[in-house]
Amino acid sequence: MEEYRRGAHTVFEIHLHLVWITKYRRPALQGEVATRVRDLIRDICGQHEVSIMKGHVSKDHVHLLISLPAAGDDQPVDAVAERPYRASSAGPNFRI
């Protein structure tokens, strides 16, 4: 049996499959940009106690399968979904 995450009065397992696609499926996620997006996703997930189960950065999209804490708010999902998108759209010389 898989190990479930546990809270004070709960036992749970919440998984989300997220996919980001570049505008017009342009191959923008290459080289330094792909590495930076991957690192941003790892950092953001670590800050919000989100476990990355699987993930892949392709040249025109990103797949991510994550396990969320039972927090009751959307803050982890919003953080994971919004920040890498804003960073990758800024081009190779972007800052966060």
PDB file of N, CA and C in Angstrom:
ATOM      1  N   MET A   1       0.845  -1.183   0.000  1.00  0.00           N
ATOM      2  CA  MET A   1       0.000   0.000   0.000  1.00  0.00           C
ATOM      3  C   MET A   1       0.890   1.246   0.000  1.00  0.00           C
ATOM      4  N   GLU A   2       0.474   2.246  -0.754  1.00  0.00           N
ATOM      5  CA  GLU A   2       1.243   3.479  -0.826  1.00  0.00           C
ATOM      6  C   GLU A   2       1.171   4.227   0.506  1.00  0.00           C
ATOM      7  N   GLU A   3       2.178   5.023   0.747  1.00  0.00           N
ATOM      8  CA  GLU A   3       2.180   5.820   1.969  1.00  0.00           C
ATOM      9  C   GLU A   3       1.368   7.086   1.739  1.00  0.00           C
ATOM     10  N   TYR A   4       0.387   7.332   2.596  1.00  0.00           N
ATOM     11  CA  TYR A   4      -0.465   8.505   2.502  1.00  0.00           C
ATOM     12  C   TYR A   4       0.103   9.625   3.359  1.00  0.00           C
ATOM     13  N   ARG A   5      -0.241  10.843   3.011  1.00  0.00           N
ATOM     14  CA  ARG A   5       0.148  11.981   3.826  1.00  0.00           C
ATOM     15  C   ARG A   5      -0.858  12.104   4.957  1.00  0.00           C
ATOM     16  N   ARG A   6      -0.394  12.549   6.099  1.00  0.00           N
ATOM     17  CA  ARG A   6      -1.246  12.591   7.285  1.00  0.00           C
ATOM     18  C   ARG A   6      -1.248  13.984   7.902  1.00  0.00           C
ATOM     19  N   GLY A   7      -2.438  14.394   8.334  1.00  0.00           N
ATOM     20  CA  GLY A   7      -2.613  15.627   9.082  1.00  0.00           C
ATOM     21  C   GLY A   7      -2.997  15.274  10.506  1.00  0.00           C
ATOM     22  N   ALA A   8      -3.421  16.254  11.292  1.00  0.00           N
ATOM     23  CA  ALA A   8      -3.796  16.009  12.680  1.00  0.00           C
ATOM     24  C   ALA A   8      -4.981  15.043  12.780  1.00  0.00           C
ATOM     25  N   HIS A   9      -5.963  15.207  11.914  1.00  0.00           N
ATOM     26  CA  HIS A   9      -7.157  14.366  11.952  1.00  0.00           C
ATOM     27  C   HIS A   9      -7.505  13.831  10.569  1.00  0.00           C
ATOM     28  N   THR A  10      -6.541  13.769   9.663  1.00  0.00           N
ATOM     29  CA  THR A  10      -6.841  13.356   8.293  1.00  0.00           C
ATOM     30  C   THR A  10      -5.773  12.426   7.740  1.00  0.00           C
ATOM     31  N   VAL A  11      -6.184  11.622   6.793  1.00  0.00           N
ATOM     32  CA  VAL A  11      -5.276  10.829   5.972  1.00  0.00           C
ATOM     33  C   VAL A  11      -5.686  11.131   4.537  1.00  0.00           C
ATOM     34  N   PHE A  12      -4.746  11.545   3.703  1.00  0.00           N
ATOM     35  CA  PHE A  12      -5.134  12.037   2.389  1.00  0.00           C
ATOM     36  C   PHE A  12      -4.046  11.795   1.356  1.00  0.00           C
ATOM     37  N   GLU A  13      -4.456  11.952   0.101  1.00  0.00           N
ATOM     38  CA  GLU A  13      -3.535  11.926  -1.019  1.00  0.00           C
ATOM     39  C   GLU A  13      -4.181  12.728  -2.144  1.00  0.00           C
ATOM     40  N   ILE A  14      -3.636  13.897  -2.433  1.00  0.00           N
ATOM     41  CA  ILE A  14      -4.174  14.794  -3.447  1.00  0.00           C
ATOM     42  C   ILE A  14      -3.129  14.929  -4.557  1.00  0.00           C
ATOM     43  N   HIS A  15      -3.473  14.521  -5.764  1.00  0.00           N
ATOM     44  CA  HIS A  15      -2.555  14.606  -6.902  1.00  0.00           C
ATOM     45  C   HIS A  15      -3.146  15.531  -7.962  1.00  0.00           C
ATOM     46  N   LEU A  16      -2.287  16.315  -8.569  1.00  0.00           N
ATOM     47  CA  LEU A  16      -2.679  17.182  -9.684  1.00  0.00           C
ATOM     48  C   LEU A  16      -1.722  16.968 -10.842  1.00  0.00           C
ATOM     49  N   HIS A  17      -2.262  16.959 -12.049  1.00  0.00           N
ATOM     50  CA  HIS A  17      -1.448  16.914 -13.255  1.00  0.00           C
ATOM     51  C   HIS A  17      -1.574  18.280 -13.925  1.00  0.00           C
ATOM     52  N   LEU A  18      -0.480  19.022 -13.954  1.00  0.00           N
ATOM     53  CA  LEU A  18      -0.463  20.361 -14.541  1.00  0.00           C
ATOM     54  C   LEU A  18       0.329  20.338 -15.835  1.00  0.00           C
ATOM     55  N   VAL A  19      -0.161  21.071 -16.827  1.00  0.00           N
ATOM     56  CA  VAL A  19       0.542  21.187 -18.105  1.00  0.00           C
ATOM     57  C   VAL A  19       0.543  22.657 -18.497  1.00  0.00           C
ATOM     58  N   TRP A  20       1.726  23.192 -18.768  1.00  0.00           N
ATOM     59  CA  TRP A  20       1.873  24.545 -19.293  1.00  0.00           C
ATOM     60  C   TRP A  20       2.307  24.429 -20.738  1.00  0.00           C
ATOM     61  N   ILE A  21       1.726  25.247 -21.595  1.00  0.00           N
ATOM     62  CA  ILE A  21       2.071  25.243 -23.017  1.00  0.00           C
ATOM     63  C   ILE A  21       2.472  26.667 -23.391  1.00  0.00           C
ATOM     64  N   THR A  22       3.551  26.796 -24.153  1.00  0.00           N
ATOM     65  CA  THR A  22       3.976  28.119 -24.593  1.00  0.00           C
ATOM     66  C   THR A  22       2.990  28.658 -25.630  1.00  0.00           C
ATOM     67  N   LYS A  23       2.962  29.965 -25.763  1.00  0.00           N
ATOM     68  CA  LYS A  23       2.065  30.591 -26.724  1.00  0.00           C
ATOM     69  C   LYS A  23       2.418  30.131 -28.130  1.00  0.00           C
ATOM     70  N   TYR A  24       1.422  29.694 -28.854  1.00  0.00           N
ATOM     71  CA  TYR A  24       1.566  29.162 -30.215  1.00  0.00           C
ATOM     72  C   TYR A  24       2.495  27.950 -30.275  1.00  0.00           C
ATOM     73  N   ARG A  25       2.698  27.296 -29.141  1.00  0.00           N
ATOM     74  CA  ARG A  25       3.578  26.114 -29.039  1.00  0.00           C
ATOM     75  C   ARG A  25       4.986  26.400 -29.580  1.00  0.00           C
ATOM     76  N   ARG A  26       5.435  27.625 -29.397  1.00  0.00           N
ATOM     77  CA  ARG A  26       6.795  27.986 -29.844  1.00  0.00           C
ATOM     78  C   ARG A  26       7.816  27.286 -28.961  1.00  0.00           C
ATOM     79  N   PRO A  27       8.930  26.849 -29.511  1.00  0.00           N
ATOM     80  CA  PRO A  27       9.967  26.145 -28.733  1.00  0.00           C
ATOM     81  C   PRO A  27      10.819  27.109 -27.906  1.00  0.00           C
ATOM     82  N   ALA A  28      10.245  27.668 -26.853  1.00  0.00           N
ATOM     83  CA  ALA A  28      10.916  28.686 -26.047  1.00  0.00           C
ATOM     84  C   ALA A  28      11.626  28.112 -24.827  1.00  0.00           C
ATOM     85  N   LEU A  29      11.294  26.890 -24.430  1.00  0.00           N
ATOM     86  CA  LEU A  29      11.842  26.314 -23.199  1.00  0.00           C
ATOM     87  C   LEU A  29      13.058  25.445 -23.524  1.00  0.00           C
ATOM     88  N   GLN A  30      14.138  26.102 -23.897  1.00  0.00           N
ATOM     89  CA  GLN A  30      15.366  25.401 -24.236  1.00  0.00           C
ATOM     90  C   GLN A  30      16.530  26.052 -23.496  1.00  0.00           C
ATOM     91  N   GLY A  31      17.560  25.277 -23.259  1.00  0.00           N
ATOM     92  CA  GLY A  31      18.787  25.796 -22.663  1.00  0.00           C
ATOM     93  C   GLY A  31      18.587  26.358 -21.266  1.00  0.00           C
ATOM     94  N   GLU A  32      19.060  27.602 -21.079  1.00  0.00           N
ATOM     95  CA  GLU A  32      18.993  28.248 -19.766  1.00  0.00           C
ATOM     96  C   GLU A  32      17.566  28.465 -19.291  1.00  0.00           C
ATOM     97  N   VAL A  33      16.654  28.744 -20.199  1.00  0.00           N
ATOM     98  CA  VAL A  33      15.257  28.987 -19.816  1.00  0.00           C
ATOM     99  C   VAL A  33      14.652  27.708 -19.247  1.00  0.00           C
ATOM    100  N   ALA A  34      14.875  26.578 -19.891  1.00  0.00           N
ATOM    101  CA  ALA A  34      14.340  25.299 -19.397  1.00  0.00           C
ATOM    102  C   ALA A  34      14.919  24.962 -18.024  1.00  0.00           C
ATOM    103  N   THR A  35      16.208  25.182 -17.858  1.00  0.00           N
ATOM    104  CA  THR A  35      16.847  24.916 -16.566  1.00  0.00           C
ATOM    105  C   THR A  35      16.292  25.830 -15.488  1.00  0.00           C
ATOM    106  N   ARG A  36      16.095  27.092 -15.809  1.00  0.00           N
ATOM    107  CA  ARG A  36      15.564  28.056 -14.840  1.00  0.00           C
ATOM    108  C   ARG A  36      14.120  27.721 -14.455  1.00  0.00           C
ATOM    109  N   VAL A  37      13.293  27.350 -15.429  1.00  0.00           N
ATOM    110  CA  VAL A  37      11.904  26.982 -15.135  1.00  0.00           C
ATOM    111  C   VAL A  37      11.873  25.756 -14.234  1.00  0.00           C
ATOM    112  N   ARG A  38      12.709  24.766 -14.530  1.00  0.00           N
ATOM    113  CA  ARG A  38      12.772  23.553 -13.699  1.00  0.00           C
ATOM    114  C   ARG A  38      13.182  23.903 -12.268  1.00  0.00           C
ATOM    115  N   ASP A  39      14.189  24.750 -12.113  1.00  0.00           N
ATOM    116  CA  ASP A  39      14.645  25.144 -10.788  1.00  0.00           C
ATOM    117  C   ASP A  39      13.587  25.949 -10.033  1.00  0.00           C
ATOM    118  N   LEU A  40      12.876  26.840 -10.747  1.00  0.00           N
ATOM    119  CA  LEU A  40      11.801  27.616 -10.121  1.00  0.00           C
ATOM    120  C   LEU A  40      10.692  26.705  -9.608  1.00  0.00           C
ATOM    121  N   ILE A  41      10.310  25.730 -10.417  1.00  0.00           N
ATOM    122  CA  ILE A  41       9.255  24.803 -10.003  1.00  0.00           C
ATOM    123  C   ILE A  41       9.689  24.038  -8.764  1.00  0.00           C
ATOM    124  N   ARG A  42      10.925  23.569  -8.735  1.00  0.00           N
ATOM    125  CA  ARG A  42      11.422  22.841  -7.566  1.00  0.00           C
ATOM    126  C   ARG A  42      11.434  23.726  -6.319  1.00  0.00           C
ATOM    127  N   ASP A  43      11.891  24.962  -6.461  1.00  0.00           N
ATOM    128  CA  ASP A  43      11.942  25.886  -5.324  1.00  0.00           C
ATOM    129  C   ASP A  43      10.541  26.206  -4.793  1.00  0.00           C
ATOM    130  N   ILE A  44       9.626  26.513  -5.690  1.00  0.00           N
ATOM    131  CA  ILE A  44       8.267  26.871  -5.288  1.00  0.00           C
ATOM    132  C   ILE A  44       7.580  25.684  -4.609  1.00  0.00           C
ATOM    133  N   CYS A  45       7.747  24.493  -5.170  1.00  0.00           N
ATOM    134  CA  CYS A  45       7.144  23.304  -4.560  1.00  0.00           C
ATOM    135  C   CYS A  45       7.735  23.050  -3.177  1.00  0.00           C
ATOM    136  N   GLY A  46       9.024  23.257  -3.011  1.00  0.00           N
ATOM    137  CA  GLY A  46       9.651  23.078  -1.711  1.00  0.00           C
ATOM    138  C   GLY A  46       9.145  24.068  -0.677  1.00  0.00           C
ATOM    139  N   GLN A  47       8.880  25.306  -1.088  1.00  0.00           N
ATOM    140  CA  GLN A  47       8.384  26.334  -0.174  1.00  0.00           C
ATOM    141  C   GLN A  47       6.973  26.047   0.312  1.00  0.00           C
ATOM    142  N   HIS A  48       6.178  25.354  -0.496  1.00  0.00           N
ATOM    143  CA  HIS A  48       4.773  25.117  -0.174  1.00  0.00           C
ATOM    144  C   HIS A  48       4.468  23.669   0.196  1.00  0.00           C
ATOM    145  N   GLU A  49       5.493  22.895   0.530  1.00  0.00           N
ATOM    146  CA  GLU A  49       5.339  21.496   0.936  1.00  0.00           C
ATOM    147  C   GLU A  49       4.614  20.664  -0.113  1.00  0.00           C
ATOM    148  N   VAL A  50       4.873  20.938  -1.378  1.00  0.00           N
ATOM    149  CA  VAL A  50       4.291  20.193  -2.488  1.00  0.00           C
ATOM    150  C   VAL A  50       5.332  19.193  -2.962  1.00  0.00           C
ATOM    151  N   SER A  51       4.931  17.924  -3.065  1.00  0.00           N
ATOM    152  CA  SER A  51       5.844  16.878  -3.522  1.00  0.00           C
ATOM    153  C   SER A  51       5.726  16.721  -5.027  1.00  0.00           C
ATOM    154  N   ILE A  52       6.851  16.745  -5.720  1.00  0.00           N
ATOM    155  CA  ILE A  52       6.860  16.515  -7.160  1.00  0.00           C
ATOM    156  C   ILE A  52       7.010  15.015  -7.384  1.00  0.00           C
ATOM    157  N   MET A  53       5.999  14.422  -7.988  1.00  0.00           N
ATOM    158  CA  MET A  53       6.036  12.986  -8.254  1.00  0.00           C
ATOM    159  C   MET A  53       6.724  12.705  -9.591  1.00  0.00           C
ATOM    160  N   LYS A  54       6.366  13.462 -10.603  1.00  0.00           N
ATOM    161  CA  LYS A  54       6.994  13.367 -11.919  1.00  0.00           C
ATOM    162  C   LYS A  54       6.944  14.738 -12.564  1.00  0.00           C
ATOM    163  N   GLY A  55       7.894  14.999 -13.441  1.00  0.00           N
ATOM    164  CA  GLY A  55       7.899  16.258 -14.161  1.00  0.00           C
ATOM    165  C   GLY A  55       8.816  16.194 -15.363  1.00  0.00           C
ATOM    166  N   HIS A  56       8.490  17.001 -16.377  1.00  0.00           N
ATOM    167  CA  HIS A  56       9.311  17.029 -17.576  1.00  0.00           C
ATOM    168  C   HIS A  56       9.154  18.388 -18.252  1.00  0.00           C
ATOM    169  N   VAL A  57      10.287  18.989 -18.623  1.00  0.00           N
ATOM    170  CA  VAL A  57      10.287  20.250 -19.355  1.00  0.00           C
ATOM    171  C   VAL A  57      10.670  19.949 -20.794  1.00  0.00           C
ATOM    172  N   SER A  58       9.728  20.132 -21.716  1.00  0.00           N
ATOM    173  CA  SER A  58       9.987  19.976 -23.147  1.00  0.00           C
ATOM    174  C   SER A  58      10.209  21.350 -23.755  1.00  0.00           C
ATOM    175  N   LYS A  59      10.516  21.403 -25.036  1.00  0.00           N
ATOM    176  CA  LYS A  59      10.809  22.694 -25.654  1.00  0.00           C
ATOM    177  C   LYS A  59       9.587  23.598 -25.785  1.00  0.00           C
ATOM    178  N   ASP A  60       8.366  23.016 -25.794  1.00  0.00           N
ATOM    179  CA  ASP A  60       7.176  23.848 -25.924  1.00  0.00           C
ATOM    180  C   ASP A  60       6.114  23.592 -24.854  1.00  0.00           C
ATOM    181  N   HIS A  61       6.391  22.752 -23.863  1.00  0.00           N
ATOM    182  CA  HIS A  61       5.442  22.525 -22.778  1.00  0.00           C
ATOM    183  C   HIS A  61       6.135  21.914 -21.562  1.00  0.00           C
ATOM    184  N   VAL A  62       5.432  21.969 -20.422  1.00  0.00           N
ATOM    185  CA  VAL A  62       5.929  21.402 -19.168  1.00  0.00           C
ATOM    186  C   VAL A  62       4.831  20.519 -18.588  1.00  0.00           C
ATOM    187  N   HIS A  63       5.177  19.287 -18.232  1.00  0.00           N
ATOM    188  CA  HIS A  63       4.267  18.379 -17.529  1.00  0.00           C
ATOM    189  C   HIS A  63       4.723  18.282 -16.082  1.00  0.00           C
ATOM    190  N   LEU A  64       3.772  18.272 -15.162  1.00  0.00           N
ATOM    191  CA  LEU A  64       4.102  18.170 -13.750  1.00  0.00           C
ATOM    192  C   LEU A  64       3.004  17.395 -13.039  1.00  0.00           C
ATOM    193  N   LEU A  65       3.376  16.337 -12.330  1.00  0.00           N
ATOM    194  CA  LEU A  65       2.460  15.591 -11.485  1.00  0.00           C
ATOM    195  C   LEU A  65       2.898  15.835 -10.054  1.00  0.00           C
ATOM    196  N   ILE A  66       2.027  16.468  -9.273  1.00  0.00           N
ATOM    197  CA  ILE A  66       2.385  16.865  -7.914  1.00  0.00           C
ATOM    198  C   ILE A  66       1.402  16.294  -6.898  1.00  0.00           C
ATOM    199  N   SER A  67       1.859  16.198  -5.666  1.00  0.00           N
ATOM    200  CA  SER A  67       1.033  15.793  -4.542  1.00  0.00           C
ATOM    201  C   SER A  67       0.936  16.979  -3.587  1.00  0.00           C
ATOM    202  N   LEU A  68      -0.285  17.413  -3.293  1.00  0.00           N
ATOM    203  CA  LEU A  68      -0.515  18.614  -2.493  1.00  0.00           C
ATOM    204  C   LEU A  68      -0.782  18.300  -1.033  1.00  0.00           C
ATOM    205  N   PRO A  69      -0.435  19.229  -0.137  1.00  0.00           N
ATOM    206  CA  PRO A  69      -0.856  19.085   1.258  1.00  0.00           C
ATOM    207  C   PRO A  69      -2.346  19.425   1.378  1.00  0.00           C
ATOM    208  N   ALA A  70      -2.993  18.903   2.368  1.00  0.00           N
ATOM    209  CA  ALA A  70      -4.422  19.191   2.584  1.00  0.00           C
ATOM    210  C   ALA A  70      -4.549  20.505   3.329  1.00  0.00           C
ATOM    211  N   ALA A  71      -4.298  21.601   2.656  1.00  0.00           N
ATOM    212  CA  ALA A  71      -4.268  22.909   3.300  1.00  0.00           C
ATOM    213  C   ALA A  71      -5.621  23.591   3.286  1.00  0.00           C
ATOM    214  N   GLY A  72      -6.500  23.304   2.373  1.00  0.00           N
ATOM    215  CA  GLY A  72      -7.788  23.970   2.343  1.00  0.00           C
ATOM    216  C   GLY A  72      -7.768  25.302   1.618  1.00  0.00           C
ATOM    217  N   ASP A  73      -6.611  25.751   1.176  1.00  0.00           N
ATOM    218  CA  ASP A  73      -6.557  26.962   0.358  1.00  0.00           C
ATOM    219  C   ASP A  73      -5.845  26.642  -0.946  1.00  0.00           C
ATOM    220  N   ASP A  74      -5.909  27.568  -1.888  1.00  0.00           N
ATOM    221  CA  ASP A  74      -5.322  27.340  -3.205  1.00  0.00           C
ATOM    222  C   ASP A  74      -3.936  27.940  -3.342  1.00  0.00           C
ATOM    223  N   GLN A  75      -3.337  28.389  -2.272  1.00  0.00           N
ATOM    224  CA  GLN A  75      -2.044  29.056  -2.354  1.00  0.00           C
ATOM    225  C   GLN A  75      -0.965  28.193  -3.002  1.00  0.00           C
ATOM    226  N   PRO A  76      -0.788  26.907  -2.637  1.00  0.00           N
ATOM    227  CA  PRO A  76       0.250  26.121  -3.307  1.00  0.00           C
ATOM    228  C   PRO A  76       0.010  25.976  -4.805  1.00  0.00           C
ATOM    229  N   VAL A  77      -1.232  25.751  -5.206  1.00  0.00           N
ATOM    230  CA  VAL A  77      -1.538  25.591  -6.626  1.00  0.00           C
ATOM    231  C   VAL A  77      -1.293  26.888  -7.370  1.00  0.00           C
ATOM    232  N   ASP A  78      -1.734  28.008  -6.812  1.00  0.00           N
ATOM    233  CA  ASP A  78      -1.518  29.302  -7.451  1.00  0.00           C
ATOM    234  C   ASP A  78      -0.031  29.598  -7.607  1.00  0.00           C
ATOM    235  N   ALA A  79       0.741  29.314  -6.584  1.00  0.00           N
ATOM    236  CA  ALA A  79       2.175  29.594  -6.630  1.00  0.00           C
ATOM    237  C   ALA A  79       2.870  28.740  -7.680  1.00  0.00           C
ATOM    238  N   VAL A  80       2.536  27.465  -7.741  1.00  0.00           N
ATOM    239  CA  VAL A  80       3.174  26.561  -8.700  1.00  0.00           C
ATOM    240  C   VAL A  80       2.735  26.892 -10.115  1.00  0.00           C
ATOM    241  N   ALA A  81       1.487  27.281 -10.302  1.00  0.00           N
ATOM    242  CA  ALA A  81       0.967  27.515 -11.642  1.00  0.00           C
ATOM    243  C   ALA A  81       1.346  28.879 -12.209  1.00  0.00           C
ATOM    244  N   GLU A  82       1.470  29.909 -11.387  1.00  0.00           N
ATOM    245  CA  GLU A  82       1.652  31.263 -11.904  1.00  0.00           C
ATOM    246  C   GLU A  82       3.108  31.663 -12.086  1.00  0.00           C
ATOM    247  N   ARG A  83       3.945  31.441 -11.117  1.00  0.00           N
ATOM    248  CA  ARG A  83       5.292  32.003 -11.144  1.00  0.00           C
ATOM    249  C   ARG A  83       6.186  31.461 -12.265  1.00  0.00           C
ATOM    250  N   PRO A  84       6.245  30.149 -12.531  1.00  0.00           N
ATOM    251  CA  PRO A  84       7.081  29.698 -13.649  1.00  0.00           C
ATOM    252  C   PRO A  84       6.603  30.231 -14.995  1.00  0.00           C
ATOM    253  N   TYR A  85       5.282  30.415 -15.144  1.00  0.00           N
ATOM    254  CA  TYR A  85       4.756  30.957 -16.387  1.00  0.00           C
ATOM    255  C   TYR A  85       5.255  32.378 -16.612  1.00  0.00           C
ATOM    256  N   ARG A  86       5.177  33.196 -15.574  1.00  0.00           N
ATOM    257  CA  ARG A  86       5.640  34.582 -15.696  1.00  0.00           C
ATOM    258  C   ARG A  86       7.131  34.632 -15.984  1.00  0.00           C
ATOM    259  N   ALA A  87       7.902  33.742 -15.378  1.00  0.00           N
ATOM    260  CA  ALA A  87       9.344  33.747 -15.575  1.00  0.00           C
ATOM    261  C   ALA A  87       9.713  33.287 -16.977  1.00  0.00           C
ATOM    262  N   SER A  88       9.055  32.253 -17.481  1.00  0.00           N
ATOM    263  CA  SER A  88       9.426  31.724 -18.785  1.00  0.00           C
ATOM    264  C   SER A  88       9.012  32.663 -19.918  1.00  0.00           C
ATOM    265  N   SER A  89       7.988  33.470 -19.707  1.00  0.00           N
ATOM    266  CA  SER A  89       7.552  34.382 -20.769  1.00  0.00           C
ATOM    267  C   SER A  89       8.444  35.603 -20.885  1.00  0.00           C
ATOM    268  N   ALA A  90       9.349  35.790 -19.936  1.00  0.00           N
ATOM    269  CA  ALA A  90      10.218  36.969 -19.944  1.00  0.00           C
ATOM    270  C   ALA A  90      11.442  36.789 -20.820  1.00  0.00           C
ATOM    271  N   GLY A  91      11.696  35.597 -21.310  1.00  0.00           N
ATOM    272  CA  GLY A  91      12.857  35.360 -22.148  1.00  0.00           C
ATOM    273  C   GLY A  91      14.035  34.869 -21.366  1.00  0.00           C
ATOM    274  N   PRO A  92      15.177  34.657 -22.027  1.00  0.00           N
ATOM    275  CA  PRO A  92      16.321  34.058 -21.356  1.00  0.00           C
ATOM    276  C   PRO A  92      17.000  34.941 -20.329  1.00  0.00           C
ATOM    277  N   ASN A  93      16.805  36.240 -20.360  1.00  0.00           N
ATOM    278  CA  ASN A  93      17.475  37.142 -19.425  1.00  0.00           C
ATOM    279  C   ASN A  93      16.503  37.706 -18.389  1.00  0.00           C
ATOM    280  N   PHE A  94      15.664  36.861 -17.836  1.00  0.00           N
ATOM    281  CA  PHE A  94      14.655  37.329 -16.898  1.00  0.00           C
ATOM    282  C   PHE A  94      15.157  37.214 -15.470  1.00  0.00           C
ATOM    283  N   ARG A  95      14.473  37.930 -14.581  1.00  0.00           N
ATOM    284  CA  ARG A  95      14.759  37.871 -13.149  1.00  0.00           C
ATOM    285  C   ARG A  95      13.459  37.622 -12.414  1.00  0.00           C
ATOM    286  N   ILE A  96      13.596  37.019 -11.242  1.00  0.00           N
ATOM    287  CA  ILE A  96      12.446  36.825 -10.372  1.00  0.00           C
ATOM    288  C   ILE A  96      12.692  37.573  -9.081  1.00  0.00           C
TER     289      ILE A  96
END
